[in-house]
Amino acid sequence: MQVSEVQIQLIKPQAGLIAFASLVVAGDLYLSGIGIHRKLDGSGYRLTFPTRKAGAQSFDIFHPINREAGRAIEDGVMAALKDVLTRVGGDAGHDSPHAP
């Protein structure tokens, strides 16, 4: 599975959420609203996929359905996040004077 055109939008960190990602899958499908969160133990980052609430129920909007797809998305997003953090000279706004 090919992941391309990954874009990262840093946000002011809140409750572990540090950024949102968007990307294109297989040149045919645009996905956005993927949350990037700092892991609680500080060992890196994790992804969350968008959901929608209707009353008391939550519905997945999209998510990977197999390990290969999940790994391709994670690898693409983490590589792009690393590039963005290198450019801003910090750690997703936590230590950087260039934080959004």
N, C-alpha and C. Protein backbone atom coordinates (compact mmCIF):
# COMPACT_ATOMS: atom_id res chain seq x y z
N MET A 1 0.85 -1.18 0.00
CA MET A 1 0.00 0.00 0.00
C MET A 1 0.89 1.24 0.00
N GLN A 2 0.63 2.13 -0.92
CA GLN A 2 1.44 3.34 -1.04
C GLN A 2 0.77 4.51 -0.32
N VAL A 3 1.53 5.15 0.56
CA VAL A 3 1.08 6.35 1.27
C VAL A 3 1.92 7.51 0.76
N SER A 4 1.26 8.59 0.35
CA SER A 4 1.99 9.74 -0.19
C SER A 4 1.33 11.03 0.28
N GLU A 5 1.94 12.13 -0.10
CA GLU A 5 1.42 13.47 0.17
C GLU A 5 1.03 13.66 1.63
N VAL A 6 1.88 13.16 2.54
CA VAL A 6 1.61 13.28 3.97
C VAL A 6 1.86 14.72 4.40
N GLN A 7 0.89 15.30 5.06
CA GLN A 7 1.01 16.66 5.58
C GLN A 7 0.74 16.63 7.09
N ILE A 8 1.53 17.40 7.82
CA ILE A 8 1.41 17.46 9.27
C ILE A 8 1.06 18.89 9.65
N GLN A 9 0.05 19.04 10.50
CA GLN A 9 -0.31 20.37 11.02
C GLN A 9 -0.15 20.33 12.53
N LEU A 10 0.93 20.97 13.02
CA LEU A 10 1.15 21.04 14.46
C LEU A 10 0.08 21.92 15.10
N ILE A 11 -0.32 21.58 16.31
CA ILE A 11 -1.27 22.38 17.07
C ILE A 11 -0.67 22.66 18.44
N LYS A 12 -1.28 23.57 19.16
CA LYS A 12 -0.88 23.78 20.55
C LYS A 12 -1.22 22.49 21.30
N PRO A 13 -0.22 21.85 21.92
CA PRO A 13 -0.48 20.56 22.57
C PRO A 13 -1.58 20.65 23.62
N GLN A 14 -2.47 19.65 23.59
CA GLN A 14 -3.52 19.57 24.60
C GLN A 14 -3.87 18.12 24.85
N ALA A 15 -3.77 17.71 26.10
CA ALA A 15 -4.08 16.34 26.52
C ALA A 15 -3.35 15.30 25.67
N GLY A 16 -2.10 15.59 25.31
CA GLY A 16 -1.30 14.65 24.54
C GLY A 16 -1.40 14.80 23.04
N LEU A 17 -2.45 15.45 22.54
CA LEU A 17 -2.61 15.68 21.10
C LEU A 17 -1.66 16.80 20.68
N ILE A 18 -0.82 16.51 19.67
CA ILE A 18 0.17 17.51 19.25
C ILE A 18 0.02 17.95 17.80
N ALA A 19 -0.70 17.15 16.98
CA ALA A 19 -0.79 17.47 15.56
C ALA A 19 -1.88 16.64 14.90
N PHE A 20 -2.21 17.05 13.68
CA PHE A 20 -3.10 16.28 12.82
C PHE A 20 -2.37 15.98 11.53
N ALA A 21 -2.65 14.81 10.95
CA ALA A 21 -2.03 14.41 9.69
C ALA A 21 -3.10 14.19 8.64
N SER A 22 -2.72 14.42 7.39
CA SER A 22 -3.53 14.05 6.24
C SER A 22 -2.61 13.36 5.25
N LEU A 23 -3.18 12.52 4.39
CA LEU A 23 -2.36 11.75 3.46
C LEU A 23 -3.21 11.20 2.33
N VAL A 24 -2.53 10.69 1.32
CA VAL A 24 -3.19 10.05 0.18
C VAL A 24 -2.77 8.58 0.17
N VAL A 25 -3.75 7.70 -0.01
CA VAL A 25 -3.51 6.25 -0.05
C VAL A 25 -3.66 5.77 -1.49
N ALA A 26 -2.65 5.07 -1.97
CA ALA A 26 -2.66 4.45 -3.31
C ALA A 26 -2.98 5.44 -4.42
N GLY A 27 -2.68 6.72 -4.19
CA GLY A 27 -2.93 7.72 -5.21
C GLY A 27 -4.39 8.00 -5.48
N ASP A 28 -5.30 7.40 -4.69
CA ASP A 28 -6.72 7.49 -4.98
C ASP A 28 -7.61 7.97 -3.84
N LEU A 29 -7.12 7.93 -2.61
CA LEU A 29 -7.99 8.21 -1.47
C LEU A 29 -7.30 9.18 -0.53
N TYR A 30 -7.94 10.33 -0.26
CA TYR A 30 -7.42 11.34 0.65
C TYR A 30 -8.02 11.10 2.03
N LEU A 31 -7.17 11.01 3.04
CA LEU A 31 -7.62 10.83 4.42
C LEU A 31 -7.07 11.98 5.25
N SER A 32 -7.90 12.53 6.14
CA SER A 32 -7.44 13.61 7.01
C SER A 32 -8.04 13.43 8.40
N GLY A 33 -7.57 14.23 9.32
CA GLY A 33 -8.09 14.17 10.68
C GLY A 33 -7.45 13.09 11.52
N ILE A 34 -6.29 12.59 11.10
CA ILE A 34 -5.58 11.58 11.88
C ILE A 34 -4.84 12.30 13.00
N GLY A 35 -5.17 11.97 14.23
CA GLY A 35 -4.54 12.62 15.38
C GLY A 35 -3.18 12.02 15.68
N ILE A 36 -2.25 12.88 16.06
CA ILE A 36 -0.93 12.43 16.51
C ILE A 36 -0.81 12.82 17.97
N HIS A 37 -0.61 11.83 18.82
CA HIS A 37 -0.55 12.02 20.26
C HIS A 37 0.80 11.59 20.79
N ARG A 38 1.26 12.28 21.81
CA ARG A 38 2.47 11.85 22.53
C ARG A 38 2.07 10.66 23.40
N LYS A 39 2.89 9.61 23.38
CA LYS A 39 2.64 8.46 24.24
C LYS A 39 2.79 8.88 25.70
N LEU A 40 1.99 8.30 26.56
CA LEU A 40 1.99 8.67 27.98
C LEU A 40 3.36 8.47 28.63
N ASP A 41 4.10 7.44 28.19
CA ASP A 41 5.40 7.19 28.79
C ASP A 41 6.51 8.04 28.15
N GLY A 42 6.15 8.90 27.20
CA GLY A 42 7.13 9.79 26.57
C GLY A 42 8.03 9.12 25.56
N SER A 43 7.73 7.87 25.18
CA SER A 43 8.62 7.11 24.30
C SER A 43 8.38 7.36 22.82
N GLY A 44 7.49 8.26 22.47
CA GLY A 44 7.23 8.52 21.06
C GLY A 44 5.81 9.01 20.86
N TYR A 45 5.24 8.63 19.72
CA TYR A 45 3.93 9.13 19.33
C TYR A 45 3.04 7.98 18.89
N ARG A 46 1.74 8.20 18.94
CA ARG A 46 0.77 7.21 18.47
C ARG A 46 -0.28 7.94 17.64
N LEU A 47 -0.95 7.19 16.78
CA LEU A 47 -1.97 7.76 15.91
C LEU A 47 -3.36 7.38 16.41
N THR A 48 -4.31 8.29 16.19
CA THR A 48 -5.72 7.97 16.41
C THR A 48 -6.47 8.36 15.15
N PHE A 49 -7.50 7.59 14.85
CA PHE A 49 -8.27 7.83 13.64
C PHE A 49 -9.61 8.44 14.01
N PRO A 50 -10.18 9.27 13.13
CA PRO A 50 -11.37 10.03 13.48
C PRO A 50 -12.61 9.17 13.75
N THR A 51 -13.39 9.66 14.69
CA THR A 51 -14.68 9.05 15.01
C THR A 51 -15.71 10.17 15.06
N ARG A 52 -16.95 9.78 15.02
CA ARG A 52 -18.04 10.74 15.12
C ARG A 52 -19.00 10.24 16.18
N LYS A 53 -19.50 11.15 17.00
CA LYS A 53 -20.46 10.78 18.04
C LYS A 53 -21.87 11.13 17.59
N ALA A 54 -22.80 10.22 17.88
CA ALA A 54 -24.23 10.46 17.67
C ALA A 54 -24.91 9.99 18.94
N GLY A 55 -25.27 10.94 19.77
CA GLY A 55 -25.82 10.58 21.07
C GLY A 55 -24.74 9.93 21.91
N ALA A 56 -25.03 8.75 22.43
CA ALA A 56 -24.07 8.04 23.26
C ALA A 56 -23.16 7.11 22.45
N GLN A 57 -23.42 6.97 21.15
CA GLN A 57 -22.65 6.07 20.32
C GLN A 57 -21.54 6.79 19.58
N SER A 58 -20.43 6.09 19.40
CA SER A 58 -19.31 6.58 18.58
C SER A 58 -19.20 5.69 17.35
N PHE A 59 -18.90 6.31 16.21
CA PHE A 59 -18.76 5.61 14.95
C PHE A 59 -17.41 5.94 14.35
N ASP A 60 -16.69 4.90 13.91
CA ASP A 60 -15.43 5.13 13.22
C ASP A 60 -15.72 5.74 11.85
N ILE A 61 -14.95 6.77 11.49
CA ILE A 61 -15.07 7.34 10.16
C ILE A 61 -14.20 6.52 9.20
N PHE A 62 -12.97 6.26 9.61
CA PHE A 62 -12.09 5.34 8.86
C PHE A 62 -10.99 4.89 9.80
N HIS A 63 -10.40 3.75 9.47
CA HIS A 63 -9.24 3.22 10.19
C HIS A 63 -8.66 2.08 9.36
N PRO A 64 -7.38 1.77 9.56
CA PRO A 64 -6.79 0.65 8.82
C PRO A 64 -7.45 -0.66 9.27
N ILE A 65 -7.62 -1.59 8.33
CA ILE A 65 -8.26 -2.85 8.70
C ILE A 65 -7.29 -4.02 8.76
N ASN A 66 -6.02 -3.76 8.44
CA ASN A 66 -5.03 -4.81 8.61
C ASN A 66 -3.70 -4.18 9.02
N ARG A 67 -2.82 -5.03 9.49
CA ARG A 67 -1.53 -4.57 10.01
C ARG A 67 -0.69 -3.87 8.94
N GLU A 68 -0.73 -4.38 7.71
CA GLU A 68 0.05 -3.79 6.62
C GLU A 68 -0.39 -2.34 6.36
N ALA A 69 -1.68 -2.11 6.30
CA ALA A 69 -2.19 -0.76 6.08
C ALA A 69 -1.84 0.15 7.25
N GLY A 70 -2.02 -0.34 8.46
CA GLY A 70 -1.70 0.45 9.64
C GLY A 70 -0.23 0.82 9.69
N ARG A 71 0.63 -0.11 9.35
CA ARG A 71 2.07 0.14 9.36
C ARG A 71 2.46 1.15 8.28
N ALA A 72 1.88 1.03 7.09
CA ALA A 72 2.19 1.97 6.00
C ALA A 72 1.79 3.39 6.39
N ILE A 73 0.60 3.55 6.98
CA ILE A 73 0.15 4.87 7.40
C ILE A 73 1.04 5.40 8.52
N GLU A 74 1.30 4.57 9.51
CA GLU A 74 2.15 5.00 10.63
C GLU A 74 3.54 5.39 10.16
N ASP A 75 4.15 4.59 9.31
CA ASP A 75 5.50 4.90 8.81
C ASP A 75 5.52 6.23 8.06
N GLY A 76 4.52 6.44 7.19
CA GLY A 76 4.46 7.69 6.43
C GLY A 76 4.26 8.90 7.32
N VAL A 77 3.36 8.79 8.28
CA VAL A 77 3.08 9.92 9.18
C VAL A 77 4.28 10.20 10.08
N MET A 78 4.89 9.17 10.64
CA MET A 78 6.02 9.38 11.55
C MET A 78 7.22 9.98 10.82
N ALA A 79 7.46 9.57 9.58
CA ALA A 79 8.56 10.16 8.80
C ALA A 79 8.29 11.64 8.55
N ALA A 80 7.06 11.98 8.20
CA ALA A 80 6.72 13.38 7.95
C ALA A 80 6.78 14.19 9.24
N LEU A 81 6.34 13.61 10.35
CA LEU A 81 6.40 14.30 11.64
C LEU A 81 7.85 14.59 12.01
N LYS A 82 8.72 13.63 11.81
CA LYS A 82 10.14 13.83 12.10
C LYS A 82 10.70 15.00 11.29
N ASP A 83 10.35 15.07 10.01
CA ASP A 83 10.80 16.17 9.16
C ASP A 83 10.30 17.52 9.68
N VAL A 84 9.03 17.58 10.05
CA VAL A 84 8.45 18.83 10.55
C VAL A 84 9.13 19.24 11.85
N LEU A 85 9.31 18.30 12.77
CA LEU A 85 9.94 18.63 14.05
C LEU A 85 11.39 19.08 13.85
N THR A 86 12.08 18.50 12.89
CA THR A 86 13.45 18.93 12.59
C THR A 86 13.45 20.37 12.09
N ARG A 87 12.48 20.69 11.22
CA ARG A 87 12.41 22.06 10.68
C ARG A 87 12.11 23.09 11.74
N VAL A 88 11.21 22.79 12.69
CA VAL A 88 10.85 23.77 13.71
C VAL A 88 11.81 23.75 14.88
N GLY A 89 12.71 22.75 14.90
CA GLY A 89 13.74 22.72 15.93
C GLY A 89 13.23 22.40 17.31
N GLY A 90 12.21 21.58 17.42
CA GLY A 90 11.70 21.26 18.73
C GLY A 90 10.98 19.93 18.76
N ASP A 91 10.20 19.77 19.79
CA ASP A 91 9.47 18.52 20.01
C ASP A 91 7.98 18.84 20.03
N ALA A 92 7.41 19.04 18.86
CA ALA A 92 5.99 19.29 18.69
C ALA A 92 5.49 20.45 19.54
N GLY A 93 6.33 21.48 19.67
CA GLY A 93 5.90 22.66 20.39
C GLY A 93 6.17 22.62 21.87
N HIS A 94 6.60 21.51 22.40
CA HIS A 94 6.82 21.42 23.85
C HIS A 94 8.06 22.18 24.27
N ASP A 95 9.10 22.13 23.46
CA ASP A 95 10.36 22.77 23.82
C ASP A 95 10.80 23.82 22.84
N SER A 96 10.01 24.04 21.81
CA SER A 96 10.45 24.90 20.71
C SER A 96 9.90 26.32 20.85
N PRO A 97 10.76 27.32 20.65
CA PRO A 97 10.26 28.69 20.64
C PRO A 97 9.45 28.98 19.38
N HIS A 98 9.47 28.06 18.41
CA HIS A 98 8.75 28.24 17.15
C HIS A 98 7.40 27.56 17.19
N ALA A 99 6.89 27.21 18.33
CA ALA A 99 5.63 26.45 18.43
C ALA A 99 4.49 27.25 17.83
N PRO A 100 3.57 26.56 17.19
CA PRO A 100 2.42 27.26 16.62
C PRO A 100 1.50 27.77 17.70
